[in-house]
Amino acid sequence: MKVKKNCPKCGKPTGITNYDEKLKVLTKHGWIDINYDYYFCRFCHEGFAFVIDEMGLLGEHKVTMEMADLMTYAGQVAMSFEKASELIRKFTGIEVSESLIRSVTEETGEKVFNQDMARARAAYEKPEIAAPALLERYRKEGNLYILTDGSQINTTSKDKDGSSWREMKLGLVFYDGDSIRRKDGKMIITKKEYVTYFGGVDELKKLLFDAAARAGYGKIRQVVFIGDGSHWIWNICEELFSDAVQILDYYHLSENVHRFAKYQYPDNEIKMKGWAKDILDKINKGLVDEVLGGLPDLADVKLPAQVPNLKTYIGNNRGRIDYRRYKLKGYSIGSGAIESGNKLVIQQRMKQSGMRWGASEGQYMASLRAKYASNQWDKVRVVIGL
């Protein structure tokens, strides 16, 4: 005997228009066939398949939410969608096409990204609500670290110069109270959050502020902002985190000093290394003015690509390289955490041989990777509906 159903919209009785319709559904136990009746409400003029709705299928894919979770996880953690299909077949025995995994993964990533952006825009528009500042004496001891960097991703479109490479920007936020300091001074971060944006700075800064607000910005005593010297990085810091200590990543400084040293002494490696070591030693001792006084002024010289005008570079970052003071205060001075984050979040999945990404698809994948690397996959499951 067929059970009568009421319309989920108006609550009035519906009638069956199609009996025993057949449907293949993908579950964590494999593909199954189900039979269902199709109901129609003559008041709302809409049809309903109540069994399908009750099963909780994801969109139009006829995939259960549990299986969508598995497919999305495999889609972002494997090196490619093809490899994701192989993984699922290997560990579950279920055949799932590469195209279906791609569709489910990208659709889930889109939902995650849209949700993140909506929350970030709300936080950015009302910072006094998102990150209310406590009086200094009530703030928690420790440092809130904020780091940013970029990584080039190959895309399906070219810019006006004919290049298909675009920058995926990455941010990292963590509180050093959620970290362990090793004997060698390196930090093991136990709780962190990555945010990504495939494009300009305007949207990234909102995601970064939102992450910082949820990590305790305004409630933690000191904010430390570490960057590689790019102007857009310091602009974000000055706009959103004006109270932060700005630190030029020491390893980036060292790299530029060595590049300039090689330019000066291209045929004498011993002299090149000795000169670079002397410059870095003086900076580490706080003798920045002495370093600047001894550097040549090359403002009118066209230097080779990748070789900085060291005098200008150090002068522009004069207030961000007081490493002796930073070390005394216990601040980290390197961006190793964001560099390794770039490899984990972006490069491992998105810079495989031959890969090219559309702007939207690349963003959706990066958003999923950020949740994975931040140990926040539970938030992806909530978006799926679990």
Protein backbone atom coordinates (compact mmCIF):
# COMPACT_ATOMS: atom_id res chain seq x y z
CA MET A 1 0.00 0.00 0.00
CA LYS A 2 1.40 3.37 -1.02
CA VAL A 3 1.81 5.88 1.80
CA LYS A 4 0.28 9.29 1.20
CA LYS A 5 2.69 12.22 1.38
CA ASN A 6 2.05 15.86 2.09
CA CYS A 7 3.76 18.60 0.12
CA PRO A 8 6.88 19.85 1.97
CA LYS A 9 6.02 23.41 0.86
CA CYS A 10 2.32 23.90 1.47
CA GLY A 11 1.57 20.82 3.57
CA LYS A 12 -1.34 19.71 1.40
CA PRO A 13 -1.72 16.15 0.06
CA THR A 14 0.21 15.17 -3.06
CA GLY A 15 -0.55 12.54 -5.65
CA ILE A 16 1.75 9.94 -7.26
CA THR A 17 2.31 10.57 -10.95
CA ASN A 18 5.05 7.99 -11.59
CA TYR A 19 5.38 4.63 -9.85
CA ASP A 20 8.58 2.63 -9.28
CA GLU A 21 11.00 4.93 -11.06
CA LYS A 22 14.55 3.53 -11.11
CA LEU A 23 17.72 5.35 -10.08
CA LYS A 24 21.38 4.40 -9.62
CA VAL A 25 22.91 6.00 -6.53
CA LEU A 26 26.58 6.09 -5.55
CA THR A 27 27.17 5.32 -1.87
CA LYS A 28 30.24 4.45 0.22
CA HIS A 29 29.22 0.83 -0.32
CA GLY A 30 29.13 1.17 -4.08
CA TRP A 31 26.51 1.78 -6.74
CA ILE A 32 22.99 0.68 -5.74
CA ASP A 33 19.67 0.65 -7.59
CA ILE A 34 16.65 2.15 -5.86
CA ASN A 35 12.99 2.36 -6.84
CA TYR A 36 10.97 5.44 -5.95
CA ASP A 37 7.61 7.07 -6.60
CA TYR A 38 7.33 10.57 -7.99
CA TYR A 39 4.76 12.82 -6.27
CA PHE A 40 3.14 15.99 -7.58
CA CYS A 41 1.48 18.84 -5.67
CA ARG A 42 -1.35 20.39 -7.71
CA PHE A 43 -1.35 23.45 -5.44
CA CYS A 44 2.37 24.32 -5.73
CA HIS A 45 2.69 22.76 -9.19
CA GLU A 46 5.93 21.05 -8.17
CA GLY A 47 7.07 17.45 -8.10
CA PHE A 48 8.95 15.60 -5.38
CA ALA A 49 10.89 12.36 -5.05
CA PHE A 50 10.68 11.96 -1.28
CA VAL A 51 12.95 8.90 -1.03
CA ILE A 52 15.74 10.70 -2.88
CA ASP A 53 15.36 13.76 -0.65
CA GLU A 54 15.41 11.60 2.48
CA MET A 55 18.61 9.89 1.36
CA GLY A 56 20.40 13.23 1.33
CA LEU A 57 21.93 13.15 -2.12
CA LEU A 58 24.34 15.83 -3.26
CA GLY A 59 22.87 18.05 -5.95
CA GLU A 60 22.22 16.42 -9.31
CA HIS A 61 24.99 13.85 -9.04
CA LYS A 62 22.96 11.16 -7.27
CA VAL A 63 25.82 10.72 -4.80
CA THR A 64 25.31 10.37 -1.06
CA MET A 65 26.89 13.03 1.12
CA GLU A 66 29.22 10.50 2.73
CA MET A 67 30.49 9.48 -0.69
CA ALA A 68 30.78 13.14 -1.73
CA ASP A 69 33.01 13.69 1.29
CA LEU A 70 35.24 10.78 0.28
CA MET A 71 35.41 11.93 -3.35
CA THR A 72 36.21 15.53 -2.41
CA TYR A 73 38.92 14.45 0.03
CA ALA A 74 40.50 12.15 -2.54
CA GLY A 75 40.12 14.79 -5.27
CA GLN A 76 42.17 17.37 -3.38
CA VAL A 77 44.71 15.09 -1.68
CA ALA A 78 45.70 12.97 -4.69
CA MET A 79 48.09 14.37 -7.31
CA SER A 80 45.30 14.42 -9.93
CA PHE A 81 41.66 13.49 -10.35
CA GLU A 82 42.80 10.40 -12.22
CA LYS A 83 44.89 9.36 -9.20
CA ALA A 84 41.91 10.09 -6.95
CA SER A 85 39.85 7.63 -8.98
CA GLU A 86 42.61 5.04 -8.57
CA LEU A 87 42.75 5.61 -4.81
CA ILE A 88 39.02 5.14 -4.37
CA ARG A 89 39.09 1.97 -6.47
CA LYS A 90 42.12 0.66 -4.55
CA PHE A 91 40.72 1.17 -1.06
CA THR A 92 36.97 0.69 -1.62
CA GLY A 93 36.70 -1.35 -4.81
CA ILE A 94 34.25 1.26 -6.16
CA GLU A 95 34.61 2.55 -9.72
CA VAL A 96 34.16 6.31 -9.86
CA SER A 97 34.96 8.27 -12.97
CA GLU A 98 37.58 11.01 -12.98
CA SER A 99 35.00 13.47 -14.33
CA LEU A 100 32.52 12.80 -11.52
CA ILE A 101 35.23 13.27 -8.89
CA ARG A 102 36.25 16.52 -10.55
CA SER A 103 32.65 17.82 -10.61
CA VAL A 104 31.91 16.95 -6.98
CA THR A 105 35.28 18.29 -5.77
CA GLU A 106 34.97 21.59 -7.62
CA GLU A 107 31.37 22.13 -6.57
CA THR A 108 32.27 21.50 -2.93
CA GLY A 109 35.29 23.78 -3.23
CA GLU A 110 33.08 26.51 -4.66
CA LYS A 111 30.73 26.27 -1.67
CA VAL A 112 33.67 26.37 0.76
CA PHE A 113 35.18 29.39 -0.98
CA ASN A 114 31.89 31.30 -1.14
CA GLN A 115 31.22 30.63 2.53
CA ASP A 116 34.72 31.78 3.47
CA MET A 117 34.42 34.95 1.40
CA ALA A 118 31.01 35.83 2.83
CA ARG A 119 32.31 35.51 6.38
CA ALA A 120 35.54 37.38 5.54
CA ARG A 121 33.69 40.30 3.91
CA ALA A 122 31.44 40.62 6.94
CA ALA A 123 34.47 40.65 9.26
CA TYR A 124 36.29 43.21 7.12
CA GLU A 125 33.28 45.51 6.95
CA LYS A 126 32.76 45.43 10.73
CA PRO A 127 36.20 44.90 12.31
CA GLU A 128 35.02 46.23 15.67
CA ILE A 129 32.67 43.26 15.90
CA ALA A 130 34.95 40.64 14.37
CA ALA A 131 38.02 41.61 16.40
CA PRO A 132 37.13 43.78 19.39
CA ALA A 133 40.32 45.07 20.99
CA LEU A 134 40.90 44.41 24.67
CA LEU A 135 42.84 46.78 26.88
CA GLU A 136 46.54 45.91 27.01
CA ARG A 137 46.40 44.53 30.55
CA TYR A 138 43.67 42.05 29.60
CA ARG A 139 45.39 40.66 26.52
CA LYS A 140 46.78 37.17 26.37
CA GLU A 141 50.57 36.81 26.53
CA GLY A 142 52.31 35.72 23.36
CA ASN A 143 52.53 36.58 19.68
CA LEU A 144 50.02 36.31 16.88
CA TYR A 145 51.96 35.60 13.68
CA ILE A 146 50.66 36.62 10.26
CA LEU A 147 52.59 35.63 7.15
CA THR A 148 51.87 35.98 3.44
CA ASP A 149 53.49 34.81 0.22
CA GLY A 150 52.68 34.00 -3.39
CA SER A 151 53.20 31.05 -5.72
CA GLN A 152 52.95 31.04 -9.52
CA ILE A 153 50.34 28.69 -11.00
CA ASN A 154 49.95 27.82 -14.69
CA THR A 155 46.50 28.78 -15.97
CA THR A 156 44.33 28.25 -19.03
CA SER A 157 44.44 31.93 -20.03
CA LYS A 158 47.20 34.37 -20.94
CA ASP A 159 47.77 37.93 -19.85
CA LYS A 160 48.63 40.88 -22.11
CA ASP A 161 52.29 39.79 -22.12
CA GLY A 162 51.40 36.28 -23.27
CA SER A 163 52.12 34.59 -19.95
CA SER A 164 49.74 31.95 -18.59
CA TRP A 165 51.22 32.09 -15.08
CA ARG A 166 49.29 33.81 -12.30
CA GLU A 167 50.02 34.24 -8.62
CA MET A 168 48.12 32.28 -6.01
CA LYS A 169 48.41 34.27 -2.81
CA LEU A 170 48.64 32.42 0.49
CA GLY A 171 48.26 33.64 4.05
CA LEU A 172 49.07 31.89 7.32
CA VAL A 173 47.89 32.86 10.81
CA PHE A 174 48.86 31.22 14.09
CA TYR A 175 49.29 32.01 17.78
CA ASP A 176 52.64 30.95 19.20
CA GLY A 177 50.86 29.66 22.29
CA ASP A 178 49.71 26.88 19.96
CA SER A 179 53.24 25.85 19.05
CA ILE A 180 56.20 23.94 20.44
CA ARG A 181 59.70 25.38 20.35
CA ARG A 182 62.36 22.77 19.57
CA LYS A 183 65.86 22.77 21.03
CA ASP A 184 67.28 24.10 17.77
CA GLY A 185 64.93 27.08 17.98
CA LYS A 186 62.56 25.94 15.25
CA MET A 187 58.84 26.09 15.88
CA ILE A 188 56.35 23.25 15.50
CA ILE A 189 52.94 24.85 14.93
CA THR A 190 50.13 22.72 16.35
CA LYS A 191 47.22 24.96 15.32
CA LYS A 192 47.20 27.21 12.26
CA GLU A 193 45.01 28.45 9.46
CA TYR A 194 45.85 28.99 5.80
CA VAL A 195 43.83 31.24 3.50
CA THR A 196 44.22 31.52 -0.29
CA TYR A 197 43.17 33.82 -3.08
CA PHE A 198 43.81 33.41 -6.80
CA GLY A 199 44.12 37.01 -7.88
CA GLY A 200 44.53 40.46 -6.35
CA VAL A 201 45.10 41.69 -2.85
CA ASP A 202 41.66 43.17 -2.13
CA GLU A 203 39.98 39.85 -1.40
CA LEU A 204 43.00 38.15 0.18
CA LYS A 205 43.26 40.85 2.85
CA LYS A 206 39.66 40.17 3.90
CA LEU A 207 40.34 36.46 4.27
CA LEU A 208 43.53 37.22 6.18
CA PHE A 209 41.81 39.64 8.56
CA ASP A 210 39.00 37.16 9.19
CA ALA A 211 41.50 34.40 10.03
CA ALA A 212 43.45 36.74 12.31
CA ALA A 213 40.26 37.83 14.08
CA ARG A 214 39.27 34.23 14.78
CA ALA A 215 42.81 33.45 15.95
CA GLY A 216 42.65 36.20 18.57
CA TYR A 217 43.65 39.49 16.95
CA GLY A 218 42.85 42.21 19.48
CA LYS A 219 43.10 39.75 22.37
CA ILE A 220 46.77 38.72 22.04
CA ARG A 221 49.50 41.03 23.30
CA GLN A 222 51.70 41.27 20.21
CA VAL A 223 51.16 40.86 16.47
CA VAL A 224 54.14 39.91 14.29
CA PHE A 225 53.83 40.27 10.52
CA ILE A 226 56.54 38.58 8.42
CA GLY A 227 56.90 39.20 4.68
CA ASP A 228 59.37 38.84 1.84
CA GLY A 229 59.57 42.54 1.00
CA SER A 230 56.78 42.82 -1.60
CA HIS A 231 54.96 46.14 -1.37
CA TRP A 232 51.50 44.55 -1.39
CA ILE A 233 52.42 42.59 1.74
CA TRP A 234 53.41 45.67 3.76
CA ASN A 235 50.37 47.55 2.44
CA ILE A 236 48.09 44.86 3.88
CA CYS A 237 49.90 45.02 7.20
CA GLU A 238 49.70 48.81 7.45
CA GLU A 239 46.01 48.86 6.57
CA LEU A 240 44.79 46.00 8.75
CA PHE A 241 47.44 45.40 11.40
CA SER A 242 48.99 48.82 12.04
CA ASP A 243 50.04 47.75 15.54
CA ALA A 244 52.09 44.81 14.23
CA VAL A 245 55.85 44.43 14.34
CA GLN A 246 56.89 44.18 10.67
CA ILE A 247 59.77 41.80 9.98
CA LEU A 248 61.50 41.24 6.65
CA ASP A 249 62.02 37.51 6.28
CA TYR A 250 65.68 36.91 7.11
CA TYR A 251 66.14 34.19 4.51
CA HIS A 252 64.78 36.45 1.79
CA LEU A 253 67.21 39.15 2.87
CA SER A 254 70.07 36.64 2.87
CA GLU A 255 69.11 35.42 -0.60
CA ASN A 256 69.17 38.96 -1.99
CA VAL A 257 72.49 39.75 -0.32
CA HIS A 258 74.02 36.66 -1.94
CA ARG A 259 72.56 37.55 -5.35
CA PHE A 260 74.08 40.99 -5.15
CA ALA A 261 77.40 39.55 -3.96
CA LYS A 262 77.48 37.21 -6.96
CA TYR A 263 76.81 40.18 -9.24
CA GLN A 264 79.75 42.04 -7.69
CA TYR A 265 82.16 39.08 -7.68
CA PRO A 266 80.99 36.76 -10.47
CA ASP A 267 84.36 35.02 -10.87
CA ASN A 268 85.48 34.85 -7.24
CA GLU A 269 83.29 32.61 -5.10
CA ILE A 270 85.45 32.97 -1.99
CA LYS A 271 85.29 36.75 -2.11
CA MET A 272 81.58 36.63 -2.93
CA LYS A 273 80.75 34.47 0.09
CA GLY A 274 83.01 36.48 2.38
CA TRP A 275 81.43 39.78 1.33
CA ALA A 276 77.88 38.42 1.81
CA LYS A 277 78.77 37.01 5.24
CA ASP A 278 80.22 40.35 6.32
CA ILE A 279 77.05 42.21 5.27
CA LEU A 280 74.77 39.77 7.08
CA ASP A 281 76.93 39.74 10.21
CA LYS A 282 76.76 43.54 10.42
CA ILE A 283 72.99 43.53 9.97
CA ASN A 284 72.65 40.88 12.68
CA LYS A 285 74.67 43.13 15.01
CA GLY A 286 72.44 46.10 14.28
CA LEU A 287 75.01 47.95 12.15
CA VAL A 288 72.58 48.73 9.35
CA ASP A 289 73.75 52.33 8.86
CA GLU A 290 77.31 51.08 8.39
CA VAL A 291 76.09 48.58 5.78
CA LEU A 292 74.12 51.25 3.90
CA GLY A 293 77.10 53.60 3.95
CA GLY A 294 79.31 51.00 2.32
CA LEU A 295 76.95 49.93 -0.46
CA PRO A 296 77.24 51.45 -3.95
CA ASP A 297 74.44 53.70 -5.21
CA LEU A 298 73.17 52.00 -8.38
CA ALA A 299 69.96 53.94 -8.87
CA ASP A 300 70.84 54.67 -12.51
CA VAL A 301 72.28 51.23 -13.27
CA LYS A 302 70.19 48.58 -15.04
CA LEU A 303 70.84 45.43 -13.02
CA PRO A 304 70.24 41.89 -14.31
CA ALA A 305 66.92 40.23 -13.52
CA GLN A 306 66.77 38.79 -10.00
CA VAL A 307 69.60 41.05 -8.79
CA PRO A 308 68.29 43.70 -6.38
CA ASN A 309 69.63 47.18 -5.86
CA LEU A 310 70.78 46.19 -2.38
CA LYS A 311 71.14 49.73 -1.06
CA THR A 312 67.57 50.57 -2.03
CA TYR A 313 66.27 47.21 -0.84
CA ILE A 314 67.84 47.49 2.61
CA GLY A 315 66.97 51.19 2.87
CA ASN A 316 63.30 50.52 2.10
CA ASN A 317 63.22 47.83 4.80
CA ARG A 318 65.32 49.74 7.33
CA GLY A 319 62.68 49.40 10.04
CA ARG A 320 62.07 45.70 9.44
CA ILE A 321 65.56 44.19 9.87
CA ASP A 322 66.40 44.81 13.52
CA TYR A 323 67.01 41.09 13.95
CA ARG A 324 69.05 41.44 17.13
CA ARG A 325 66.09 43.03 18.93
CA TYR A 326 63.63 40.56 17.42
CA LYS A 327 65.67 37.62 18.68
CA LEU A 328 65.93 39.12 22.17
CA LYS A 329 62.14 39.37 22.24
CA GLY A 330 61.79 35.79 21.03
CA TYR A 331 60.20 36.64 17.68
CA SER A 332 60.56 34.31 14.74
CA ILE A 333 62.42 36.10 11.90
CA GLY A 334 61.91 33.65 9.04
CA SER A 335 59.05 32.80 6.74
CA GLY A 336 59.81 29.09 6.64
CA ALA A 337 56.28 28.31 7.80
CA ILE A 338 54.67 30.08 4.84
CA GLU A 339 57.27 28.71 2.41
CA SER A 340 56.50 25.15 3.48
CA GLY A 341 52.81 26.08 3.40
CA ASN A 342 53.14 27.06 -0.26
CA LYS A 343 54.54 23.62 -1.02
CA LEU A 344 51.90 21.80 1.02
CA VAL A 345 48.80 23.84 0.14
CA ILE A 346 49.51 24.86 -3.45
CA GLN A 347 52.43 23.19 -5.16
CA GLN A 348 51.92 19.53 -4.19
CA ARG A 349 48.49 19.47 -5.84
CA MET A 350 48.44 22.34 -8.31
CA LYS A 351 51.91 22.40 -9.90
CA GLN A 352 52.16 18.87 -11.23
CA SER A 353 53.57 18.40 -14.72
CA GLY A 354 51.23 19.65 -17.44
CA MET A 355 48.59 21.05 -15.09
CA ARG A 356 46.74 24.21 -16.11
CA TRP A 357 43.96 25.74 -14.03
CA GLY A 358 41.04 27.99 -14.76
CA ALA A 359 40.78 30.89 -12.30
CA SER A 360 37.65 29.54 -10.62
CA GLU A 361 38.70 25.88 -10.58
CA GLY A 362 42.10 26.82 -9.21
CA GLN A 363 40.54 28.86 -6.43
CA TYR A 364 38.13 26.10 -5.44
CA MET A 365 40.93 23.55 -5.27
CA ALA A 366 43.14 25.90 -3.25
CA SER A 367 40.31 26.58 -0.79
CA LEU A 368 39.94 22.85 -0.16
CA ARG A 369 43.71 22.43 0.16
CA ALA A 370 43.80 25.25 2.71
CA LYS A 371 41.15 23.53 4.85
CA TYR A 372 43.04 20.23 4.57
CA ALA A 373 46.39 21.76 5.56
CA SER A 374 44.75 23.69 8.42
CA ASN A 375 43.25 20.46 9.87
CA GLN A 376 39.78 21.91 9.27
CA TRP A 377 38.25 19.23 7.08
CA ASP A 378 35.28 19.13 9.45
CA LYS A 379 34.26 22.51 7.98
CA VAL A 380 34.22 20.98 4.51
CA ARG A 381 31.98 18.18 5.79
CA VAL A 382 29.55 20.76 7.19
CA VAL A 383 29.40 22.47 3.78
CA ILE A 384 28.64 19.11 2.16
CA GLY A 385 25.80 18.62 4.64
CA LEU A 386 27.25 16.11 7.06
